[in-house]
Amino acid sequence: MTVQNILLSGIVGSTAYGLAREGSDVDRLGMFAAPTASLLGLHTPRESHVTTAPDRTLHEAAKWCRLALGGNPTVMELAWLPDELYEVRTPLGDELIGIRGAFLSAQRVRDAYLGYAGQQFRKLESRAGDHRTAKHARHLKRLCHQGLELYTTGRLTVRVEDPEEYHRFGDAVAADPASARSLLAHYESAFAETRSALPDRPDEAPVEAWLLRVRAEFYATAA
């Protein structure tokens, strides 16, 4: 299915992190604007479109904003990609990148990143020894590192500094899954002991203003 009115889209996941190896999937994430009139009737449009081959997820603008305001690490990276990884970048998409700091708040970032890291830990524990254990371990380490950076500085660096360090960690955890527990505990303590650069609450006013500009832009678009 062709999705219209894409505002921002780019390559995310392992390729963006610098962790991809031969045979790795290329993941894409983006956001689109539903025609404004279609939001007003009995049958509202789908808020997400997910495809495989190619692997692509597109969220409607309002849904993306809600997820980002909640600190969702997966959607958050769309607003922080290196320039060369964007494949669609419209003026409204650039405006969103310009207000990306408004989505951030200390507790939501902490809870979301540690929560997602905990999910990866539970997955690698339940799949100890299978081929995905190392992958879950790499993502656990990445989520912890990126989350703490965002929490302490208000900035997110999507590409990891030393990809081979992450692969070595993944291999070590694949051999001994329990070894990931100490890393998770270290970052839980670091979050607890570190002063955040983020506010207590996200700044919803510029987000709301941006979304209203999106609705005005696509008001006359046929459903």
N, C-alpha and C. Protein backbone atom coordinates (compact mmCIF):
# COMPACT_ATOMS: atom_id res chain seq x y z
N MET A 1 0.84 -1.19 0.00
CA MET A 1 0.00 0.00 0.00
C MET A 1 0.88 1.25 0.00
N THR A 2 0.53 2.21 -0.84
CA THR A 2 1.26 3.47 -0.88
C THR A 2 0.66 4.44 0.14
N VAL A 3 1.49 4.93 1.02
CA VAL A 3 1.05 5.87 2.04
C VAL A 3 1.38 7.28 1.57
N GLN A 4 0.38 8.13 1.57
CA GLN A 4 0.54 9.50 1.11
C GLN A 4 0.98 10.42 2.25
N ASN A 5 1.45 11.59 1.87
CA ASN A 5 1.75 12.67 2.82
C ASN A 5 2.80 12.29 3.86
N ILE A 6 3.87 11.63 3.43
CA ILE A 6 4.95 11.31 4.35
C ILE A 6 5.72 12.58 4.66
N LEU A 7 5.87 12.87 5.94
CA LEU A 7 6.53 14.10 6.39
C LEU A 7 8.00 13.90 6.70
N LEU A 8 8.34 12.71 7.19
CA LEU A 8 9.70 12.44 7.62
C LEU A 8 9.90 10.93 7.61
N SER A 9 11.00 10.50 7.04
CA SER A 9 11.26 9.06 7.00
C SER A 9 12.75 8.84 6.85
N GLY A 10 13.23 7.76 7.47
CA GLY A 10 14.65 7.48 7.37
C GLY A 10 14.99 6.06 7.78
N ILE A 11 16.26 5.73 7.65
CA ILE A 11 16.76 4.41 8.01
C ILE A 11 17.12 4.41 9.49
N VAL A 12 16.57 3.44 10.21
CA VAL A 12 16.77 3.35 11.66
C VAL A 12 17.37 1.97 11.98
N GLY A 13 17.28 1.58 13.23
CA GLY A 13 17.71 0.24 13.62
C GLY A 13 19.21 0.04 13.53
N SER A 14 19.62 -1.20 13.30
CA SER A 14 21.04 -1.56 13.36
C SER A 14 21.90 -0.77 12.39
N THR A 15 21.36 -0.45 11.22
CA THR A 15 22.13 0.34 10.26
C THR A 15 22.43 1.72 10.83
N ALA A 16 21.43 2.34 11.42
CA ALA A 16 21.62 3.67 12.01
C ALA A 16 22.57 3.62 13.20
N TYR A 17 22.50 2.55 14.00
CA TYR A 17 23.36 2.45 15.18
C TYR A 17 24.81 2.15 14.81
N GLY A 18 25.03 1.68 13.57
CA GLY A 18 26.36 1.24 13.19
C GLY A 18 26.64 -0.19 13.58
N LEU A 19 25.59 -0.95 13.92
CA LEU A 19 25.75 -2.32 14.39
C LEU A 19 25.43 -3.36 13.32
N ALA A 20 25.04 -2.92 12.13
CA ALA A 20 24.63 -3.86 11.08
C ALA A 20 25.85 -4.63 10.57
N ARG A 21 25.60 -5.86 10.23
CA ARG A 21 26.60 -6.70 9.57
C ARG A 21 25.98 -7.31 8.33
N GLU A 22 26.76 -8.01 7.57
CA GLU A 22 26.26 -8.59 6.34
C GLU A 22 25.02 -9.44 6.62
N GLY A 23 23.96 -9.18 5.86
CA GLY A 23 22.72 -9.92 6.04
C GLY A 23 21.74 -9.27 6.98
N SER A 24 22.15 -8.19 7.65
CA SER A 24 21.23 -7.50 8.56
C SER A 24 20.09 -6.84 7.78
N ASP A 25 18.92 -6.83 8.38
CA ASP A 25 17.78 -6.15 7.77
C ASP A 25 18.01 -4.65 7.79
N VAL A 26 17.40 -3.96 6.82
CA VAL A 26 17.41 -2.50 6.80
C VAL A 26 16.02 -2.03 7.22
N ASP A 27 15.94 -1.37 8.37
CA ASP A 27 14.66 -0.94 8.93
C ASP A 27 14.43 0.54 8.62
N ARG A 28 13.20 0.86 8.28
CA ARG A 28 12.82 2.24 8.01
C ARG A 28 11.67 2.65 8.92
N LEU A 29 11.71 3.91 9.34
CA LEU A 29 10.67 4.47 10.20
C LEU A 29 10.29 5.84 9.66
N GLY A 30 9.01 6.14 9.71
CA GLY A 30 8.59 7.46 9.25
C GLY A 30 7.26 7.86 9.84
N MET A 31 6.86 9.06 9.49
CA MET A 31 5.54 9.55 9.91
C MET A 31 4.84 10.18 8.72
N PHE A 32 3.53 10.12 8.77
CA PHE A 32 2.72 10.67 7.68
C PHE A 32 1.57 11.47 8.27
N ALA A 33 0.97 12.29 7.45
CA ALA A 33 -0.20 13.07 7.86
C ALA A 33 -1.44 12.50 7.18
N ALA A 34 -2.40 12.07 7.98
CA ALA A 34 -3.69 11.68 7.41
C ALA A 34 -4.40 12.93 6.91
N PRO A 35 -5.16 12.84 5.80
CA PRO A 35 -5.97 13.99 5.39
C PRO A 35 -6.86 14.43 6.55
N THR A 36 -6.85 15.70 6.85
CA THR A 36 -7.54 16.19 8.04
C THR A 36 -9.01 15.83 8.04
N ALA A 37 -9.66 15.93 6.88
CA ALA A 37 -11.09 15.62 6.81
C ALA A 37 -11.37 14.17 7.20
N SER A 38 -10.42 13.28 6.92
CA SER A 38 -10.64 11.86 7.22
C SER A 38 -10.66 11.58 8.72
N LEU A 39 -10.16 12.52 9.52
CA LEU A 39 -10.14 12.34 10.97
C LEU A 39 -11.46 12.73 11.62
N LEU A 40 -12.36 13.31 10.85
CA LEU A 40 -13.58 13.89 11.41
C LEU A 40 -14.82 13.02 11.25
N GLY A 41 -14.72 11.96 10.46
CA GLY A 41 -15.90 11.16 10.18
C GLY A 41 -16.03 9.95 11.09
N LEU A 42 -16.94 9.06 10.70
CA LEU A 42 -17.21 7.86 11.50
C LEU A 42 -16.04 6.89 11.51
N HIS A 43 -15.36 6.79 10.39
CA HIS A 43 -14.32 5.77 10.25
C HIS A 43 -12.96 6.44 10.08
N THR A 44 -12.24 6.54 11.16
CA THR A 44 -10.95 7.22 11.12
C THR A 44 -9.91 6.31 10.46
N PRO A 45 -8.90 6.89 9.86
CA PRO A 45 -7.89 6.10 9.14
C PRO A 45 -6.97 5.36 10.09
N ARG A 46 -6.25 4.39 9.54
CA ARG A 46 -5.27 3.65 10.34
C ARG A 46 -4.17 4.60 10.80
N GLU A 47 -3.71 4.37 12.02
CA GLU A 47 -2.67 5.23 12.58
C GLU A 47 -1.27 4.71 12.31
N SER A 48 -1.15 3.47 11.89
CA SER A 48 0.17 2.90 11.60
C SER A 48 0.08 1.96 10.41
N HIS A 49 1.13 1.95 9.63
CA HIS A 49 1.27 1.01 8.52
C HIS A 49 2.61 0.31 8.68
N VAL A 50 2.58 -1.00 8.80
CA VAL A 50 3.80 -1.78 9.00
C VAL A 50 3.92 -2.80 7.87
N THR A 51 5.08 -2.82 7.22
CA THR A 51 5.32 -3.79 6.15
C THR A 51 6.64 -4.51 6.40
N THR A 52 6.75 -5.67 5.81
CA THR A 52 8.02 -6.39 5.78
C THR A 52 8.43 -6.56 4.33
N ALA A 53 9.74 -6.69 4.13
CA ALA A 53 10.29 -6.84 2.77
C ALA A 53 9.75 -5.78 1.82
N PRO A 54 10.03 -4.51 2.02
CA PRO A 54 10.99 -3.97 2.99
C PRO A 54 10.37 -3.75 4.36
N ASP A 55 11.23 -3.71 5.38
CA ASP A 55 10.79 -3.49 6.75
C ASP A 55 10.58 -1.99 6.96
N ARG A 56 9.32 -1.60 7.09
CA ARG A 56 9.02 -0.18 7.23
C ARG A 56 7.83 0.01 8.15
N THR A 57 7.94 0.98 9.06
CA THR A 57 6.85 1.37 9.94
C THR A 57 6.58 2.85 9.74
N LEU A 58 5.33 3.19 9.49
CA LEU A 58 4.92 4.59 9.34
C LEU A 58 3.81 4.87 10.35
N HIS A 59 3.99 5.90 11.16
CA HIS A 59 2.97 6.31 12.12
C HIS A 59 2.33 7.62 11.68
N GLU A 60 1.04 7.74 11.91
CA GLU A 60 0.37 9.01 11.67
C GLU A 60 0.95 10.04 12.65
N ALA A 61 0.96 11.30 12.21
CA ALA A 61 1.67 12.34 12.95
C ALA A 61 1.25 12.42 14.42
N ALA A 62 -0.05 12.36 14.70
CA ALA A 62 -0.50 12.47 16.09
C ALA A 62 -0.04 11.28 16.92
N LYS A 63 -0.10 10.08 16.33
CA LYS A 63 0.35 8.90 17.07
C LYS A 63 1.84 8.99 17.35
N TRP A 64 2.62 9.42 16.34
CA TRP A 64 4.05 9.56 16.56
C TRP A 64 4.31 10.52 17.72
N CYS A 65 3.60 11.63 17.74
CA CYS A 65 3.79 12.62 18.81
C CYS A 65 3.45 12.03 20.17
N ARG A 66 2.37 11.29 20.25
CA ARG A 66 1.99 10.69 21.54
C ARG A 66 3.06 9.72 22.01
N LEU A 67 3.57 8.89 21.10
CA LEU A 67 4.61 7.94 21.47
C LEU A 67 5.88 8.66 21.90
N ALA A 68 6.27 9.69 21.17
CA ALA A 68 7.48 10.43 21.50
C ALA A 68 7.34 11.15 22.83
N LEU A 69 6.17 11.71 23.09
CA LEU A 69 5.95 12.38 24.38
C LEU A 69 6.05 11.39 25.54
N GLY A 70 5.77 10.14 25.27
CA GLY A 70 5.91 9.10 26.28
C GLY A 70 7.33 8.60 26.44
N GLY A 71 8.25 9.12 25.62
CA GLY A 71 9.64 8.72 25.72
C GLY A 71 10.01 7.49 24.92
N ASN A 72 9.13 7.02 24.04
CA ASN A 72 9.35 5.78 23.30
C ASN A 72 10.69 5.84 22.54
N PRO A 73 11.65 4.97 22.88
CA PRO A 73 12.96 5.04 22.24
C PRO A 73 12.92 4.74 20.74
N THR A 74 12.03 3.86 20.32
CA THR A 74 12.00 3.47 18.92
C THR A 74 11.59 4.63 18.03
N VAL A 75 10.53 5.34 18.40
CA VAL A 75 10.10 6.45 17.56
C VAL A 75 11.00 7.67 17.74
N MET A 76 11.58 7.82 18.93
CA MET A 76 12.37 9.01 19.24
C MET A 76 13.52 9.20 18.27
N GLU A 77 14.14 8.08 17.86
CA GLU A 77 15.36 8.22 17.06
C GLU A 77 15.09 8.84 15.70
N LEU A 78 13.84 8.82 15.22
CA LEU A 78 13.53 9.43 13.94
C LEU A 78 13.88 10.91 13.92
N ALA A 79 13.77 11.58 15.05
CA ALA A 79 14.05 13.02 15.12
C ALA A 79 15.52 13.33 15.38
N TRP A 80 16.36 12.29 15.52
CA TRP A 80 17.76 12.49 15.88
C TRP A 80 18.72 11.79 14.91
N LEU A 81 18.26 11.38 13.76
CA LEU A 81 19.11 10.64 12.83
C LEU A 81 20.21 11.54 12.24
N PRO A 82 21.35 10.95 11.90
CA PRO A 82 22.31 11.68 11.08
C PRO A 82 21.66 12.09 9.75
N ASP A 83 22.04 13.23 9.22
CA ASP A 83 21.37 13.77 8.03
C ASP A 83 21.33 12.77 6.88
N GLU A 84 22.40 12.00 6.70
CA GLU A 84 22.47 11.13 5.53
C GLU A 84 21.50 9.95 5.60
N LEU A 85 20.90 9.71 6.76
CA LEU A 85 19.98 8.58 6.88
C LEU A 85 18.52 8.96 6.63
N TYR A 86 18.25 10.25 6.47
CA TYR A 86 16.88 10.65 6.12
C TYR A 86 16.64 10.41 4.63
N GLU A 87 15.52 9.80 4.31
CA GLU A 87 15.15 9.54 2.92
C GLU A 87 14.01 10.46 2.46
N VAL A 88 13.17 10.90 3.39
CA VAL A 88 12.15 11.91 3.13
C VAL A 88 12.26 12.95 4.24
N ARG A 89 12.38 14.21 3.83
CA ARG A 89 12.52 15.28 4.83
C ARG A 89 11.83 16.52 4.27
N THR A 90 10.62 16.77 4.72
CA THR A 90 9.82 17.88 4.24
C THR A 90 9.99 19.08 5.18
N PRO A 91 9.49 20.25 4.78
CA PRO A 91 9.56 21.41 5.70
C PRO A 91 8.89 21.13 7.04
N LEU A 92 7.75 20.45 7.05
CA LEU A 92 7.11 20.12 8.32
C LEU A 92 7.93 19.11 9.11
N GLY A 93 8.60 18.20 8.41
CA GLY A 93 9.50 17.28 9.08
C GLY A 93 10.67 18.01 9.72
N ASP A 94 11.20 19.01 9.00
CA ASP A 94 12.28 19.81 9.57
C ASP A 94 11.82 20.59 10.80
N GLU A 95 10.59 21.08 10.74
CA GLU A 95 10.04 21.79 11.91
C GLU A 95 9.98 20.85 13.11
N LEU A 96 9.58 19.62 12.87
CA LEU A 96 9.51 18.65 13.97
C LEU A 96 10.89 18.41 14.57
N ILE A 97 11.89 18.23 13.72
CA ILE A 97 13.25 18.05 14.22
C ILE A 97 13.67 19.26 15.06
N GLY A 98 13.22 20.43 14.64
CA GLY A 98 13.57 21.65 15.35
C GLY A 98 12.99 21.75 16.75
N ILE A 99 11.90 21.03 17.02
CA ILE A 99 11.29 21.08 18.35
C ILE A 99 11.44 19.76 19.10
N ARG A 100 12.38 18.93 18.67
CA ARG A 100 12.49 17.58 19.25
C ARG A 100 12.74 17.61 20.76
N GLY A 101 13.38 18.65 21.25
CA GLY A 101 13.61 18.74 22.68
C GLY A 101 12.33 18.90 23.49
N ALA A 102 11.27 19.40 22.85
CA ALA A 102 10.01 19.62 23.56
C ALA A 102 9.35 18.32 23.99
N PHE A 103 9.72 17.22 23.35
CA PHE A 103 9.10 15.93 23.66
C PHE A 103 9.68 15.29 24.92
N LEU A 104 10.78 15.81 25.41
CA LEU A 104 11.55 15.12 26.43
C LEU A 104 11.17 15.51 27.85
N SER A 105 11.19 14.53 28.73
CA SER A 105 11.04 14.78 30.17
C SER A 105 11.80 13.69 30.91
N ALA A 106 12.32 14.04 32.07
CA ALA A 106 13.24 13.16 32.79
C ALA A 106 12.63 11.80 33.11
N GLN A 107 11.49 11.80 33.77
CA GLN A 107 10.93 10.53 34.23
C GLN A 107 10.52 9.65 33.06
N ARG A 108 9.93 10.24 32.03
CA ARG A 108 9.47 9.43 30.91
C ARG A 108 10.64 8.83 30.14
N VAL A 109 11.70 9.60 29.96
CA VAL A 109 12.89 9.06 29.30
C VAL A 109 13.50 7.93 30.13
N ARG A 110 13.67 8.17 31.42
CA ARG A 110 14.23 7.14 32.29
C ARG A 110 13.39 5.87 32.27
N ASP A 111 12.09 6.03 32.46
CA ASP A 111 11.22 4.85 32.53
C ASP A 111 11.17 4.12 31.20
N ALA A 112 11.14 4.86 30.10
CA ALA A 112 11.01 4.22 28.79
C ALA A 112 12.29 3.48 28.42
N TYR A 113 13.43 4.12 28.56
CA TYR A 113 14.68 3.46 28.15
C TYR A 113 15.03 2.29 29.06
N LEU A 114 14.89 2.46 30.36
CA LEU A 114 15.14 1.33 31.25
C LEU A 114 14.10 0.24 31.06
N GLY A 115 12.87 0.64 30.76
CA GLY A 115 11.83 -0.35 30.52
C GLY A 115 12.11 -1.18 29.28
N TYR A 116 12.53 -0.53 28.21
CA TYR A 116 12.86 -1.26 26.99
C TYR A 116 14.10 -2.12 27.20
N ALA A 117 15.09 -1.62 27.93
CA ALA A 117 16.28 -2.41 28.23
C ALA A 117 15.91 -3.65 29.04
N GLY A 118 14.99 -3.47 29.99
CA GLY A 118 14.53 -4.62 30.77
C GLY A 118 13.84 -5.65 29.90
N GLN A 119 13.09 -5.20 28.91
CA GLN A 119 12.46 -6.14 27.97
C GLN A 119 13.51 -6.95 27.23
N GLN A 120 14.58 -6.29 26.79
CA GLN A 120 15.64 -7.01 26.09
C GLN A 120 16.30 -8.03 27.02
N PHE A 121 16.46 -7.66 28.28
CA PHE A 121 17.07 -8.59 29.24
C PHE A 121 16.19 -9.82 29.43
N ARG A 122 14.89 -9.61 29.55
CA ARG A 122 14.00 -10.76 29.73
C ARG A 122 13.98 -11.64 28.49
N LYS A 123 14.07 -11.02 27.31
CA LYS A 123 14.11 -11.81 26.08
C LYS A 123 15.36 -12.66 26.00
N LEU A 124 16.51 -12.07 26.33
CA LEU A 124 17.74 -12.85 26.22
C LEU A 124 17.80 -13.94 27.27
N GLU A 125 17.19 -13.70 28.44
CA GLU A 125 17.13 -14.75 29.45
C GLU A 125 16.27 -15.92 28.99
N SER A 126 15.13 -15.59 28.35
CA SER A 126 14.21 -16.64 27.93
C SER A 126 14.71 -17.39 26.70
N ARG A 127 15.64 -16.76 25.98
CA ARG A 127 16.15 -17.39 24.75
C ARG A 127 17.62 -17.73 24.88
N ALA A 128 18.06 -17.97 26.09
CA ALA A 128 19.48 -18.23 26.33
C ALA A 128 20.00 -19.31 25.39
N GLY A 129 21.08 -18.95 24.69
CA GLY A 129 21.71 -19.93 23.82
C GLY A 129 21.26 -19.90 22.37
N ASP A 130 20.14 -19.23 22.06
CA ASP A 130 19.75 -19.21 20.66
C ASP A 130 20.44 -18.04 19.95
N HIS A 131 20.25 -17.96 18.64
CA HIS A 131 21.03 -17.03 17.83
C HIS A 131 20.65 -15.57 18.07
N ARG A 132 19.55 -15.31 18.75
CA ARG A 132 19.12 -13.94 18.97
C ARG A 132 19.60 -13.37 20.31
N THR A 133 20.21 -14.19 21.14
CA THR A 133 20.65 -13.72 22.45
C THR A 133 21.62 -12.55 22.33
N ALA A 134 22.59 -12.68 21.44
CA ALA A 134 23.59 -11.61 21.28
C ALA A 134 22.93 -10.32 20.79
N LYS A 135 21.96 -10.45 19.91
CA LYS A 135 21.27 -9.25 19.41
C LYS A 135 20.54 -8.53 20.53
N HIS A 136 19.81 -9.29 21.36
CA HIS A 136 19.12 -8.66 22.49
C HIS A 136 20.10 -7.99 23.44
N ALA A 137 21.26 -8.62 23.64
CA ALA A 137 22.27 -8.03 24.52
C ALA A 137 22.79 -6.72 23.95
N ARG A 138 23.06 -6.67 22.65
CA ARG A 138 23.54 -5.43 22.04
C ARG A 138 22.53 -4.31 22.20
N HIS A 139 21.25 -4.64 22.00
CA HIS A 139 20.23 -3.61 22.12
C HIS A 139 20.03 -3.18 23.58
N LEU A 140 20.20 -4.10 24.49
CA LEU A 140 20.13 -3.74 25.92
C LEU A 140 21.21 -2.69 26.24
N LYS A 141 22.43 -2.97 25.83
CA LYS A 141 23.54 -2.05 26.09
C LYS A 141 23.31 -0.71 25.41
N ARG A 142 22.84 -0.74 24.17
CA ARG A 142 22.60 0.50 23.43
C ARG A 142 21.52 1.33 24.10
N LEU A 143 20.42 0.71 24.47
CA LEU A 143 19.33 1.44 25.11
C LEU A 143 19.78 2.08 26.41
N CYS A 144 20.56 1.36 27.20
CA CYS A 144 21.05 1.91 28.46
C CYS A 144 21.95 3.11 28.20
N HIS A 145 22.88 2.97 27.27
CA HIS A 145 23.83 4.05 27.00
C HIS A 145 23.12 5.27 26.41
N GLN A 146 22.29 5.05 25.39
CA GLN A 146 21.60 6.17 24.76
C GLN A 146 20.63 6.84 25.72
N GLY A 147 19.94 6.05 26.50
CA GLY A 147 18.97 6.61 27.43
C GLY A 147 19.64 7.49 28.47
N LEU A 148 20.78 7.03 29.00
CA LEU A 148 21.47 7.83 30.00
C LEU A 148 22.03 9.11 29.39
N GLU A 149 22.53 9.02 28.16
CA GLU A 149 23.01 10.22 27.48
C GLU A 149 21.87 11.24 27.31
N LEU A 150 20.72 10.76 26.86
CA LEU A 150 19.59 11.65 26.66
C LEU A 150 19.13 12.25 27.99
N TYR A 151 19.14 11.44 29.02
CA TYR A 151 18.69 11.86 30.36
C TYR A 151 19.62 12.92 30.94
N THR A 152 20.92 12.77 30.72
CA THR A 152 21.88 13.67 31.36
C THR A 152 22.22 14.89 30.51
N THR A 153 22.09 14.81 29.19
CA THR A 153 22.51 15.91 28.32
C THR A 153 21.38 16.54 27.51
N GLY A 154 20.26 15.83 27.36
CA GLY A 154 19.19 16.32 26.51
C GLY A 154 19.45 16.09 25.04
N ARG A 155 20.46 15.29 24.71
CA ARG A 155 20.80 14.98 23.32
C ARG A 155 20.87 13.47 23.13
N LEU A 156 20.55 13.03 21.92
CA LEU A 156 20.59 11.61 21.60
C LEU A 156 21.52 11.38 20.42
N THR A 157 22.55 10.56 20.63
CA THR A 157 23.44 10.16 19.55
C THR A 157 23.02 8.78 19.10
N VAL A 158 22.48 8.69 17.88
CA VAL A 158 21.93 7.43 17.40
C VAL A 158 23.04 6.42 17.08
N ARG A 159 24.10 6.88 16.42
CA ARG A 159 25.19 5.97 16.04
C ARG A 159 26.11 5.74 17.24
N VAL A 160 26.36 4.47 17.58
CA VAL A 160 27.19 4.17 18.73
C VAL A 160 28.65 4.46 18.41
N GLU A 161 29.42 4.75 19.44
CA GLU A 161 30.81 5.18 19.25
C GLU A 161 31.72 4.03 18.84
N ASP A 162 31.53 2.86 19.43
CA ASP A 162 32.42 1.72 19.17
C ASP A 162 31.56 0.47 18.92
N PRO A 163 31.15 0.26 17.66
CA PRO A 163 30.27 -0.88 17.37
C PRO A 163 30.85 -2.23 17.80
N GLU A 164 32.17 -2.40 17.66
CA GLU A 164 32.75 -3.69 18.00
C GLU A 164 32.63 -3.99 19.49
N GLU A 165 32.64 -2.95 20.31
CA GLU A 165 32.43 -3.16 21.75
C GLU A 165 31.06 -3.77 22.00
N TYR A 166 30.08 -3.35 21.26
CA TYR A 166 28.72 -3.88 21.41
C TYR A 166 28.65 -5.33 20.93
N HIS A 167 29.34 -5.62 19.85
CA HIS A 167 29.35 -7.00 19.36
C HIS A 167 30.08 -7.92 20.33
N ARG A 168 31.17 -7.44 20.92
CA ARG A 168 31.88 -8.25 21.91
C ARG A 168 30.99 -8.51 23.13
N PHE A 169 30.26 -7.48 23.55
CA PHE A 169 29.35 -7.65 24.68
C PHE A 169 28.26 -8.66 24.34
N GLY A 170 27.71 -8.56 23.12
CA GLY A 170 26.69 -9.52 22.71
C GLY A 170 27.20 -10.94 22.72
N ASP A 171 28.42 -11.15 22.25
CA ASP A 171 29.00 -12.50 22.23
C ASP A 171 29.23 -13.01 23.65
N ALA A 172 29.66 -12.12 24.55
CA ALA A 172 29.90 -12.52 25.93
C ALA A 172 28.59 -12.93 26.61
N VAL A 173 27.53 -12.17 26.34
CA VAL A 173 26.23 -12.48 26.95
C VAL A 173 25.64 -13.75 26.34
N ALA A 174 25.90 -13.98 25.06
CA ALA A 174 25.43 -15.22 24.44
C ALA A 174 26.04 -16.43 25.13
N ALA A 175 27.29 -16.29 25.60
CA ALA A 175 27.95 -17.39 26.30
C ALA A 175 27.47 -17.50 27.74
N ASP A 176 27.10 -16.35 28.34
CA ASP A 176 26.64 -16.34 29.74
C ASP A 176 25.58 -15.25 29.89
N PRO A 177 24.31 -15.57 29.61
CA PRO A 177 23.24 -14.56 29.63
C PRO A 177 23.13 -13.80 30.94
N ALA A 178 23.47 -14.42 32.05
CA ALA A 178 23.36 -13.75 33.35
C ALA A 178 24.31 -12.57 33.46
N SER A 179 25.35 -12.53 32.61
CA SER A 179 26.32 -11.44 32.70
C SER A 179 25.73 -10.09 32.31
N ALA A 180 24.58 -10.11 31.65
CA ALA A 180 23.93 -8.84 31.28
C ALA A 180 23.29 -8.17 32.49
N ARG A 181 23.04 -8.96 33.53
CA ARG A 181 22.35 -8.41 34.70
C ARG A 181 23.15 -7.28 35.35
N SER A 182 24.49 -7.44 35.43
CA SER A 182 25.31 -6.43 36.08
C SER A 182 25.30 -5.13 35.29
N LEU A 183 25.27 -5.22 33.95
CA LEU A 183 25.21 -4.00 33.14
C LEU A 183 23.91 -3.25 33.40
N LEU A 184 22.80 -3.98 33.40
CA LEU A 184 21.51 -3.35 33.65
C LEU A 184 21.47 -2.72 35.03
N ALA A 185 22.00 -3.41 36.03
CA ALA A 185 22.02 -2.87 37.38
C ALA A 185 22.89 -1.62 37.46
N HIS A 186 23.99 -1.61 36.73
CA HIS A 186 24.86 -0.43 36.71
C HIS A 186 24.11 0.79 36.18
N TYR A 187 23.38 0.62 35.10
CA TYR A 187 22.67 1.76 34.51
C TYR A 187 21.46 2.17 35.35
N GLU A 188 20.82 1.22 35.99
CA GLU A 188 19.73 1.59 36.90
C GLU A 188 20.26 2.49 38.01
N SER A 189 21.44 2.17 38.53
CA SER A 189 22.05 3.01 39.57
C SER A 189 22.47 4.36 39.00
N ALA A 190 23.01 4.34 37.79
CA ALA A 190 23.46 5.59 37.17
C ALA A 190 22.31 6.56 36.96
N PHE A 191 21.18 6.05 36.50
CA PHE A 191 20.00 6.91 36.36
C PHE A 191 19.58 7.48 37.71
N ALA A 192 19.60 6.63 38.74
CA ALA A 192 19.15 7.07 40.06
C ALA A 192 20.06 8.13 40.66
N GLU A 193 21.35 8.06 40.33
CA GLU A 193 22.34 8.93 40.97
C GLU A 193 22.68 10.17 40.15
N THR A 194 22.18 10.26 38.92
CA THR A 194 22.58 11.34 38.02
C THR A 194 21.48 12.39 37.94
N ARG A 195 21.91 13.62 37.94
CA ARG A 195 20.97 14.72 37.77
C ARG A 195 20.62 14.86 36.29
N SER A 196 19.34 14.96 35.99
CA SER A 196 18.92 15.04 34.60
C SER A 196 18.93 16.48 34.09
N ALA A 197 19.27 16.62 32.81
CA ALA A 197 19.18 17.92 32.15
C ALA A 197 17.77 18.19 31.63
N LEU A 198 16.90 17.21 31.77
CA LEU A 198 15.56 17.32 31.19
C LEU A 198 14.57 17.89 32.20
N PRO A 199 13.50 18.51 31.71
CA PRO A 199 12.47 19.02 32.60
C PRO A 199 11.62 17.90 33.18
N ASP A 200 10.82 18.25 34.17
CA ASP A 200 9.94 17.25 34.77
C ASP A 200 8.83 16.82 33.82
N ARG A 201 8.41 17.72 32.95
CA ARG A 201 7.34 17.43 32.01
C ARG A 201 7.76 17.85 30.60
N PRO A 202 7.27 17.16 29.58
CA PRO A 202 7.52 17.64 28.22
C PRO A 202 6.78 18.94 27.98
N ASP A 203 7.22 19.69 26.99
CA ASP A 203 6.59 20.96 26.63
C ASP A 203 5.61 20.71 25.49
N GLU A 204 4.36 20.48 25.83
CA GLU A 204 3.39 20.07 24.81
C GLU A 204 2.95 21.22 23.90
N ALA A 205 3.14 22.47 24.33
CA ALA A 205 2.63 23.60 23.54
C ALA A 205 3.21 23.65 22.13
N PRO A 206 4.53 23.58 21.93
CA PRO A 206 5.04 23.59 20.55
C PRO A 206 4.67 22.34 19.77
N VAL A 207 4.51 21.23 20.45
CA VAL A 207 4.09 20.00 19.77
C VAL A 207 2.67 20.15 19.25
N GLU A 208 1.79 20.67 20.10
CA GLU A 208 0.41 20.91 19.70
C GLU A 208 0.34 21.91 18.55
N ALA A 209 1.14 22.97 18.62
CA ALA A 209 1.15 23.98 17.56
C ALA A 209 1.63 23.37 16.24
N TRP A 210 2.64 22.53 16.31
CA TRP A 210 3.13 21.86 15.10
C TRP A 210 2.06 20.96 14.50
N LEU A 211 1.39 20.19 15.35
CA LEU A 211 0.37 19.28 14.84
C LEU A 211 -0.79 20.04 14.21
N LEU A 212 -1.14 21.17 14.77
CA LEU A 212 -2.20 21.98 14.17
C LEU A 212 -1.77 22.55 12.82
N ARG A 213 -0.48 22.85 12.65
CA ARG A 213 0.00 23.28 11.34
C ARG A 213 -0.09 22.15 10.33
N VAL A 214 0.18 20.94 10.80
CA VAL A 214 0.02 19.77 9.93
C VAL A 214 -1.44 19.62 9.50
N ARG A 215 -2.35 19.75 10.44
CA ARG A 215 -3.77 19.60 10.11
C ARG A 215 -4.22 20.68 9.14
N ALA A 216 -3.72 21.90 9.31
CA ALA A 216 -4.09 22.97 8.40
C ALA A 216 -3.53 22.70 7.00
N GLU A 217 -2.32 22.20 6.94
CA GLU A 217 -1.67 21.93 5.65
C GLU A 217 -2.45 20.89 4.84
N PHE A 218 -3.02 19.91 5.51
CA PHE A 218 -3.67 18.80 4.81
C PHE A 218 -5.19 18.83 4.97
N TYR A 219 -5.71 19.99 5.30
CA TYR A 219 -7.16 20.11 5.48
C TYR A 219 -7.91 19.85 4.19
N ALA A 220 -7.38 20.33 3.07
CA ALA A 220 -8.09 20.22 1.80
C ALA A 220 -7.76 18.94 1.05
N THR A 221 -6.90 18.08 1.63
CA THR A 221 -6.53 16.84 0.95
C THR A 221 -7.69 15.87 0.98
N ALA A 222 -7.98 15.29 -0.16
CA ALA A 222 -9.11 14.33 -0.23
C ALA A 222 -8.79 13.10 0.59
N ALA A 223 -9.81 12.57 1.27
CA ALA A 223 -9.61 11.37 2.07
C ALA A 223 -9.43 10.18 1.16
